[in-house]
Amino acid sequence: MGMIGELNEKTIHKSLKTRIEPDVACHEVKLNGYYVDVLRDEVVFEIQSRNLYVIKEKLRSLLGTHRVTVVYPVIRTKWIVWVDEVGQVVRRRKSPKSGQVCHVLAELYGIRDLLDHENLSFRVDCLDAEDFRLVRGKAETVKRLECVPLTWLDVVEFGGTRERGLERVLPELVDEFTSKEFGRMGGLQQNLASKALKVLRDSGVIEQVGKRGRLYLYRRIQKSL
């Protein structure tokens, strides 16, 4: 890790930039009044691990002149590592939480009015990582330090509509399901599952077919042959 706690750029973000384009001359390029993470062959790559809505206006500007790929990292397996002030490992355990590719669906909610833009695409980069935390004193005060990639896994690329591959990030679905059941299938909390379903419905991937109790019932739309 180098000097723990003294990293100027998040390690996953920095590692992803190099993974996309090793040439650092293509990193942090100014374009349309913004600095973009990577500009390669006139294609912009923007890395964002959460809250896609915060780059909405930036995306809107860039999409007018360039093709843009939003890169979303997903940590499949996370190891939580506690270290002391000299960097020695105190303990290490596997987190019970596991990231899934479909988690990107809830994030798309914040930029849903841009999803059908022909210049916009997405890629999900999956990885395993270690989450380092500093333990201080006998009371074991904990300060979060940095999340560091262990292994890069698969990459899933898609566009924002069914025709452009949005279905590639769906969890395994039963024939009909409620938002609660969808959340359980995708490992999403109820509010995030509702956002993901809104994205899928607006993009023509699922349809609302009735109600089960107080909850709306959804079904995947089958492609025409």
C-alpha atoms as a PDB file:
ATOM      1  CA  MET A   1       0.000   0.000   0.000  1.00  0.00           C
ATOM      2  CA  GLY A   2       2.905   2.382   0.533  1.00  0.00           C
ATOM      3  CA  MET A   3       2.306   4.986   3.247  1.00  0.00           C
ATOM      4  CA  ILE A   4      -1.018   4.035   4.789  1.00  0.00           C
ATOM      5  CA  GLY A   5      -3.477   6.940   4.812  1.00  0.00           C
ATOM      6  CA  GLU A   6      -1.353   9.139   2.534  1.00  0.00           C
ATOM      7  CA  LEU A   7      -2.794   8.135  -0.818  1.00  0.00           C
ATOM      8  CA  ASN A   8      -3.884  11.171  -2.848  1.00  0.00           C
ATOM      9  CA  GLU A   9      -6.066   9.198  -5.241  1.00  0.00           C
ATOM     10  CA  LYS A  10      -8.279   6.267  -4.395  1.00  0.00           C
ATOM     11  CA  THR A  11      -6.413   3.100  -5.299  1.00  0.00           C
ATOM     12  CA  ILE A  12      -9.265   1.365  -7.114  1.00  0.00           C
ATOM     13  CA  HIS A  13      -9.884   4.488  -9.199  1.00  0.00           C
ATOM     14  CA  LYS A  14      -6.214   4.828 -10.077  1.00  0.00           C
ATOM     15  CA  SER A  15      -5.860   1.130 -10.846  1.00  0.00           C
ATOM     16  CA  LEU A  16      -8.908   1.224 -13.114  1.00  0.00           C
ATOM     17  CA  LYS A  17      -7.483   4.113 -15.129  1.00  0.00           C
ATOM     18  CA  THR A  18      -4.332   2.089 -15.796  1.00  0.00           C
ATOM     19  CA  ARG A  19      -6.410  -1.007 -16.568  1.00  0.00           C
ATOM     20  CA  ILE A  20      -8.368   0.951 -19.198  1.00  0.00           C
ATOM     21  CA  GLU A  21      -5.352   2.769 -20.648  1.00  0.00           C
ATOM     22  CA  PRO A  22      -1.728   2.245 -19.466  1.00  0.00           C
ATOM     23  CA  ASP A  23      -0.523   5.468 -21.123  1.00  0.00           C
ATOM     24  CA  VAL A  24      -0.761   8.134 -18.391  1.00  0.00           C
ATOM     25  CA  ALA A  25      -0.758  10.849 -21.072  1.00  0.00           C
ATOM     26  CA  CYS A  26      -4.370   9.785 -21.698  1.00  0.00           C
ATOM     27  CA  HIS A  27      -5.332  10.302 -18.037  1.00  0.00           C
ATOM     28  CA  GLU A  28      -6.958  13.438 -16.590  1.00  0.00           C
ATOM     29  CA  VAL A  29      -7.423  15.168 -19.940  1.00  0.00           C
ATOM     30  CA  LYS A  30      -9.317  18.465 -20.060  1.00  0.00           C
ATOM     31  CA  LEU A  31     -12.315  18.319 -22.388  1.00  0.00           C
ATOM     32  CA  ASN A  32     -15.347  20.623 -22.712  1.00  0.00           C
ATOM     33  CA  GLY A  33     -14.288  22.401 -19.538  1.00  0.00           C
ATOM     34  CA  TYR A  34     -14.032  19.163 -17.523  1.00  0.00           C
ATOM     35  CA  TYR A  35     -11.207  16.813 -16.622  1.00  0.00           C
ATOM     36  CA  VAL A  36     -12.032  13.291 -17.792  1.00  0.00           C
ATOM     37  CA  ASP A  37     -10.480  10.183 -16.261  1.00  0.00           C
ATOM     38  CA  VAL A  38      -9.333   8.678 -19.574  1.00  0.00           C
ATOM     39  CA  LEU A  39      -9.499   9.858 -23.188  1.00  0.00           C
ATOM     40  CA  ARG A  40      -8.519   7.058 -25.549  1.00  0.00           C
ATOM     41  CA  ASP A  41      -9.071   7.168 -29.321  1.00  0.00           C
ATOM     42  CA  GLU A  42     -11.601   9.989 -28.805  1.00  0.00           C
ATOM     43  CA  VAL A  43     -13.629   7.850 -26.394  1.00  0.00           C
ATOM     44  CA  VAL A  44     -14.093   9.177 -22.843  1.00  0.00           C
ATOM     45  CA  PHE A  45     -13.983   6.816 -19.850  1.00  0.00           C
ATOM     46  CA  GLU A  46     -15.452   8.155 -16.604  1.00  0.00           C
ATOM     47  CA  ILE A  47     -14.978   6.053 -13.453  1.00  0.00           C
ATOM     48  CA  GLN A  48     -17.661   6.401 -10.803  1.00  0.00           C
ATOM     49  CA  SER A  49     -18.250   3.943  -7.973  1.00  0.00           C
ATOM     50  CA  ARG A  50     -21.477   5.505  -6.671  1.00  0.00           C
ATOM     51  CA  ASN A  51     -23.865   8.431  -7.051  1.00  0.00           C
ATOM     52  CA  LEU A  52     -23.835   8.640 -10.835  1.00  0.00           C
ATOM     53  CA  TYR A  53     -26.165  11.632 -10.621  1.00  0.00           C
ATOM     54  CA  VAL A  54     -23.248  13.847  -9.528  1.00  0.00           C
ATOM     55  CA  ILE A  55     -21.675  13.574 -12.985  1.00  0.00           C
ATOM     56  CA  LYS A  56     -24.945  14.013 -14.870  1.00  0.00           C
ATOM     57  CA  GLU A  57     -24.236  17.502 -16.236  1.00  0.00           C
ATOM     58  CA  LYS A  58     -20.672  16.502 -17.082  1.00  0.00           C
ATOM     59  CA  LEU A  59     -22.002  13.537 -19.029  1.00  0.00           C
ATOM     60  CA  ARG A  60     -24.581  15.672 -20.789  1.00  0.00           C
ATOM     61  CA  SER A  61     -21.835  18.013 -22.011  1.00  0.00           C
ATOM     62  CA  LEU A  62     -19.446  15.252 -23.079  1.00  0.00           C
ATOM     63  CA  LEU A  63     -22.111  13.232 -24.889  1.00  0.00           C
ATOM     64  CA  GLY A  64     -22.671  16.109 -27.269  1.00  0.00           C
ATOM     65  CA  THR A  65     -19.176  15.704 -28.719  1.00  0.00           C
ATOM     66  CA  HIS A  66     -17.797  12.277 -27.732  1.00  0.00           C
ATOM     67  CA  ARG A  67     -18.666   8.693 -27.048  1.00  0.00           C
ATOM     68  CA  VAL A  68     -18.594   8.133 -23.290  1.00  0.00           C
ATOM     69  CA  THR A  69     -18.235   4.927 -21.287  1.00  0.00           C
ATOM     70  CA  VAL A  70     -19.106   5.096 -17.593  1.00  0.00           C
ATOM     71  CA  VAL A  71     -17.002   2.586 -15.656  1.00  0.00           C
ATOM     72  CA  TYR A  72     -18.546   1.175 -12.480  1.00  0.00           C
ATOM     73  CA  PRO A  73     -16.429  -1.035 -10.165  1.00  0.00           C
ATOM     74  CA  VAL A  74     -18.141  -3.813  -8.194  1.00  0.00           C
ATOM     75  CA  ILE A  75     -16.372  -5.559  -5.323  1.00  0.00           C
ATOM     76  CA  ARG A  76     -17.412  -9.215  -5.369  1.00  0.00           C
ATOM     77  CA  THR A  77     -15.453 -10.346  -2.302  1.00  0.00           C
ATOM     78  CA  LYS A  78     -14.106  -7.886   0.263  1.00  0.00           C
ATOM     79  CA  TRP A  79     -11.628  -8.667   3.014  1.00  0.00           C
ATOM     80  CA  ILE A  80     -11.647  -6.238   5.939  1.00  0.00           C
ATOM     81  CA  VAL A  81      -8.120  -5.737   7.277  1.00  0.00           C
ATOM     82  CA  TRP A  82      -7.383  -3.893  10.532  1.00  0.00           C
ATOM     83  CA  VAL A  83      -3.854  -2.483  10.890  1.00  0.00           C
ATOM     84  CA  ASP A  84      -2.065  -0.591  13.659  1.00  0.00           C
ATOM     85  CA  GLU A  85      -0.275   2.751  13.307  1.00  0.00           C
ATOM     86  CA  VAL A  86       2.903   1.134  11.958  1.00  0.00           C
ATOM     87  CA  GLY A  87       1.028  -0.847   9.318  1.00  0.00           C
ATOM     88  CA  GLN A  88       1.041  -4.253  11.032  1.00  0.00           C
ATOM     89  CA  VAL A  89      -2.038  -6.380  10.443  1.00  0.00           C
ATOM     90  CA  VAL A  90      -4.074  -6.820  13.639  1.00  0.00           C
ATOM     91  CA  ARG A  91      -6.807  -9.023  12.179  1.00  0.00           C
ATOM     92  CA  ARG A  92      -8.468  -9.848   8.865  1.00  0.00           C
ATOM     93  CA  ARG A  93     -11.889 -11.214   8.012  1.00  0.00           C
ATOM     94  CA  LYS A  94     -14.131 -11.703   4.994  1.00  0.00           C
ATOM     95  CA  SER A  95     -17.046  -9.284   4.696  1.00  0.00           C
ATOM     96  CA  PRO A  96     -20.482 -10.951   4.583  1.00  0.00           C
ATOM     97  CA  LYS A  97     -21.515  -8.478   1.862  1.00  0.00           C
ATOM     98  CA  SER A  98     -20.946  -9.376  -1.782  1.00  0.00           C
ATOM     99  CA  GLY A  99     -21.292  -7.004  -4.718  1.00  0.00           C
ATOM    100  CA  GLN A 100     -23.232  -8.058  -7.815  1.00  0.00           C
ATOM    101  CA  VAL A 101     -23.181  -6.704 -11.359  1.00  0.00           C
ATOM    102  CA  CYS A 102     -26.901  -5.863 -11.119  1.00  0.00           C
ATOM    103  CA  HIS A 103     -26.166  -3.296  -8.387  1.00  0.00           C
ATOM    104  CA  VAL A 104     -25.327  -0.827 -11.158  1.00  0.00           C
ATOM    105  CA  LEU A 105     -29.032  -0.725 -12.056  1.00  0.00           C
ATOM    106  CA  ALA A 106     -29.950   1.316  -8.986  1.00  0.00           C
ATOM    107  CA  GLU A 107     -27.158   3.791  -9.770  1.00  0.00           C
ATOM    108  CA  LEU A 108     -28.506   4.296 -13.303  1.00  0.00           C
ATOM    109  CA  TYR A 109     -31.661   5.789 -11.780  1.00  0.00           C
ATOM    110  CA  GLY A 110     -29.883   9.121 -11.227  1.00  0.00           C
ATOM    111  CA  ILE A 111     -29.061   9.487 -14.939  1.00  0.00           C
ATOM    112  CA  ARG A 112     -32.060   7.646 -16.386  1.00  0.00           C
ATOM    113  CA  ASP A 113     -32.954  10.447 -18.824  1.00  0.00           C
ATOM    114  CA  LEU A 114     -29.579   9.933 -20.535  1.00  0.00           C
ATOM    115  CA  LEU A 115     -29.717   6.145 -20.882  1.00  0.00           C
ATOM    116  CA  ASP A 116     -30.993   6.038 -24.454  1.00  0.00           C
ATOM    117  CA  HIS A 117     -28.286   8.414 -25.743  1.00  0.00           C
ATOM    118  CA  GLU A 118     -26.461   6.676 -28.576  1.00  0.00           C
ATOM    119  CA  ASN A 119     -23.053   7.933 -27.365  1.00  0.00           C
ATOM    120  CA  LEU A 120     -23.422   6.558 -23.814  1.00  0.00           C
ATOM    121  CA  SER A 121     -22.359   3.083 -22.754  1.00  0.00           C
ATOM    122  CA  PHE A 122     -21.305   1.354 -19.542  1.00  0.00           C
ATOM    123  CA  ARG A 123     -18.888  -1.244 -18.263  1.00  0.00           C
ATOM    124  CA  VAL A 124     -18.861  -2.979 -14.892  1.00  0.00           C
ATOM    125  CA  ASP A 125     -15.419  -4.056 -13.699  1.00  0.00           C
ATOM    126  CA  CYS A 126     -15.610  -6.740 -11.008  1.00  0.00           C
ATOM    127  CA  LEU A 127     -12.855  -7.299  -8.474  1.00  0.00           C
ATOM    128  CA  ASP A 128     -11.902  -8.724  -5.101  1.00  0.00           C
ATOM    129  CA  ALA A 129     -10.427  -6.199  -2.681  1.00  0.00           C
ATOM    130  CA  GLU A 130      -9.028  -5.527   0.774  1.00  0.00           C
ATOM    131  CA  ASP A 131     -10.578  -2.752   2.862  1.00  0.00           C
ATOM    132  CA  PHE A 132      -7.910  -1.382   5.226  1.00  0.00           C
ATOM    133  CA  ARG A 133      -8.861   0.198   8.560  1.00  0.00           C
ATOM    134  CA  LEU A 134      -6.609   1.812  11.148  1.00  0.00           C
ATOM    135  CA  VAL A 135      -6.979   0.751  14.787  1.00  0.00           C
ATOM    136  CA  ARG A 136      -5.770   3.247  17.402  1.00  0.00           C
ATOM    137  CA  GLY A 137      -5.286   2.743  21.138  1.00  0.00           C
ATOM    138  CA  LYS A 138      -6.723   0.332  23.653  1.00  0.00           C
ATOM    139  CA  ALA A 139     -10.261   1.481  22.881  1.00  0.00           C
ATOM    140  CA  GLU A 140      -9.640   0.402  19.270  1.00  0.00           C
ATOM    141  CA  THR A 141     -10.857   3.570  17.612  1.00  0.00           C
ATOM    142  CA  VAL A 142     -11.217   2.688  13.932  1.00  0.00           C
ATOM    143  CA  LYS A 143     -10.509   4.931  10.954  1.00  0.00           C
ATOM    144  CA  ARG A 144     -11.182   3.733   7.427  1.00  0.00           C
ATOM    145  CA  LEU A 145      -8.119   4.076   5.212  1.00  0.00           C
ATOM    146  CA  GLU A 146      -8.387   2.660   1.723  1.00  0.00           C
ATOM    147  CA  CYS A 147      -9.858  -0.117  -0.377  1.00  0.00           C
ATOM    148  CA  VAL A 148      -7.189  -1.841  -2.466  1.00  0.00           C
ATOM    149  CA  PRO A 149      -7.729  -4.255  -5.404  1.00  0.00           C
ATOM    150  CA  LEU A 150      -6.612  -7.851  -4.885  1.00  0.00           C
ATOM    151  CA  THR A 151      -7.734  -9.438  -8.150  1.00  0.00           C
ATOM    152  CA  TRP A 152      -9.499  -8.019 -11.188  1.00  0.00           C
ATOM    153  CA  LEU A 153     -12.215 -10.357 -12.438  1.00  0.00           C
ATOM    154  CA  ASP A 154     -14.671 -10.132 -15.327  1.00  0.00           C
ATOM    155  CA  VAL A 155     -15.905  -7.087 -17.257  1.00  0.00           C
ATOM    156  CA  VAL A 156     -19.520  -6.632 -18.386  1.00  0.00           C
ATOM    157  CA  GLU A 157     -20.258  -4.038 -21.068  1.00  0.00           C
ATOM    158  CA  PHE A 158     -23.720  -2.761 -22.015  1.00  0.00           C
ATOM    159  CA  GLY A 159     -25.775   0.179 -23.202  1.00  0.00           C
ATOM    160  CA  GLY A 160     -28.712   1.806 -21.445  1.00  0.00           C
ATOM    161  CA  THR A 161     -31.555   0.009 -23.243  1.00  0.00           C
ATOM    162  CA  ARG A 162     -32.609  -3.572 -23.881  1.00  0.00           C
ATOM    163  CA  GLU A 163     -31.537  -3.322 -27.512  1.00  0.00           C
ATOM    164  CA  ARG A 164     -28.049  -2.271 -26.413  1.00  0.00           C
ATOM    165  CA  GLY A 165     -27.505  -4.975 -23.825  1.00  0.00           C
ATOM    166  CA  LEU A 166     -28.973  -3.697 -20.555  1.00  0.00           C
ATOM    167  CA  GLU A 167     -30.267  -7.219 -19.906  1.00  0.00           C
ATOM    168  CA  ARG A 168     -26.660  -8.354 -19.381  1.00  0.00           C
ATOM    169  CA  VAL A 169     -26.735  -6.941 -15.846  1.00  0.00           C
ATOM    170  CA  LEU A 170     -30.010  -8.524 -14.727  1.00  0.00           C
ATOM    171  CA  PRO A 171     -30.066 -10.906 -11.776  1.00  0.00           C
ATOM    172  CA  GLU A 172     -31.605 -14.328 -12.395  1.00  0.00           C
ATOM    173  CA  LEU A 173     -35.352 -13.676 -12.475  1.00  0.00           C
ATOM    174  CA  VAL A 174     -38.424 -15.834 -11.907  1.00  0.00           C
ATOM    175  CA  ASP A 175     -41.410 -15.445 -14.264  1.00  0.00           C
ATOM    176  CA  GLU A 176     -43.167 -12.790 -12.152  1.00  0.00           C
ATOM    177  CA  PHE A 177     -41.828 -10.898  -9.162  1.00  0.00           C
ATOM    178  CA  THR A 178     -42.441  -8.006  -6.786  1.00  0.00           C
ATOM    179  CA  SER A 179     -39.908  -5.329  -5.880  1.00  0.00           C
ATOM    180  CA  LYS A 180     -39.234  -7.177  -2.622  1.00  0.00           C
ATOM    181  CA  GLU A 181     -38.522 -10.415  -4.487  1.00  0.00           C
ATOM    182  CA  PHE A 182     -36.394  -8.587  -7.048  1.00  0.00           C
ATOM    183  CA  GLY A 183     -34.338  -7.074  -4.226  1.00  0.00           C
ATOM    184  CA  ARG A 184     -33.778 -10.513  -2.724  1.00  0.00           C
ATOM    185  CA  MET A 185     -32.710 -11.958  -6.098  1.00  0.00           C
ATOM    186  CA  GLY A 186     -30.300  -9.085  -6.743  1.00  0.00           C
ATOM    187  CA  GLY A 187     -29.039  -8.505  -3.196  1.00  0.00           C
ATOM    188  CA  LEU A 188     -30.521  -4.980  -3.150  1.00  0.00           C
ATOM    189  CA  GLN A 189     -32.218  -3.102  -0.334  1.00  0.00           C
ATOM    190  CA  GLN A 190     -35.876  -2.259  -0.963  1.00  0.00           C
ATOM    191  CA  ASN A 191     -35.319   1.393  -1.955  1.00  0.00           C
ATOM    192  CA  LEU A 192     -32.513   0.441  -4.356  1.00  0.00           C
ATOM    193  CA  ALA A 193     -34.578  -2.388  -5.836  1.00  0.00           C
ATOM    194  CA  SER A 194     -37.385   0.090  -6.574  1.00  0.00           C
ATOM    195  CA  LYS A 195     -34.956   2.405  -8.377  1.00  0.00           C
ATOM    196  CA  ALA A 196     -33.541  -0.485 -10.400  1.00  0.00           C
ATOM    197  CA  LEU A 197     -37.052  -1.592 -11.410  1.00  0.00           C
ATOM    198  CA  LYS A 198     -37.891   1.945 -12.546  1.00  0.00           C
ATOM    199  CA  VAL A 199     -34.814   1.918 -14.803  1.00  0.00           C
ATOM    200  CA  LEU A 200     -35.696  -1.511 -16.229  1.00  0.00           C
ATOM    201  CA  ARG A 201     -39.315  -0.563 -16.857  1.00  0.00           C
ATOM    202  CA  ASP A 202     -38.445   2.735 -18.556  1.00  0.00           C
ATOM    203  CA  SER A 203     -35.853   0.926 -20.690  1.00  0.00           C
ATOM    204  CA  GLY A 204     -38.337  -1.663 -21.936  1.00  0.00           C
ATOM    205  CA  VAL A 205     -36.820  -4.646 -20.139  1.00  0.00           C
ATOM    206  CA  ILE A 206     -39.717  -5.388 -17.753  1.00  0.00           C
ATOM    207  CA  GLU A 207     -43.398  -4.501 -17.537  1.00  0.00           C
ATOM    208  CA  GLN A 208     -45.852  -4.048 -14.685  1.00  0.00           C
ATOM    209  CA  VAL A 209     -48.536  -6.746 -14.865  1.00  0.00           C
ATOM    210  CA  GLY A 210     -50.639  -6.274 -11.739  1.00  0.00           C
ATOM    211  CA  LYS A 211     -50.275  -6.489  -7.971  1.00  0.00           C
ATOM    212  CA  ARG A 212     -49.513  -9.137  -5.390  1.00  0.00           C
ATOM    213  CA  GLY A 213     -50.968  -7.912  -2.128  1.00  0.00           C
ATOM    214  CA  ARG A 214     -49.843  -4.304  -1.774  1.00  0.00           C
ATOM    215  CA  LEU A 215     -46.840  -4.690  -4.065  1.00  0.00           C
ATOM    216  CA  TYR A 216     -46.722  -4.240  -7.819  1.00  0.00           C
ATOM    217  CA  LEU A 217     -45.981  -7.318  -9.864  1.00  0.00           C
ATOM    218  CA  TYR A 218     -43.453  -7.268 -12.727  1.00  0.00           C
ATOM    219  CA  ARG A 219     -42.549  -9.538 -15.605  1.00  0.00           C
ATOM    220  CA  ARG A 220     -39.626  -9.577 -17.992  1.00  0.00           C
ATOM    221  CA  ILE A 221     -40.569  -8.587 -21.555  1.00  0.00           C
ATOM    222  CA  GLN A 222     -39.639 -11.281 -24.028  1.00  0.00           C
ATOM    223  CA  LYS A 223     -37.826 -10.221 -27.191  1.00  0.00           C
ATOM    224  CA  SER A 224     -39.673 -10.696 -30.453  1.00  0.00           C
ATOM    225  CA  LEU A 225     -38.143 -13.276 -32.783  1.00  0.00           C
END
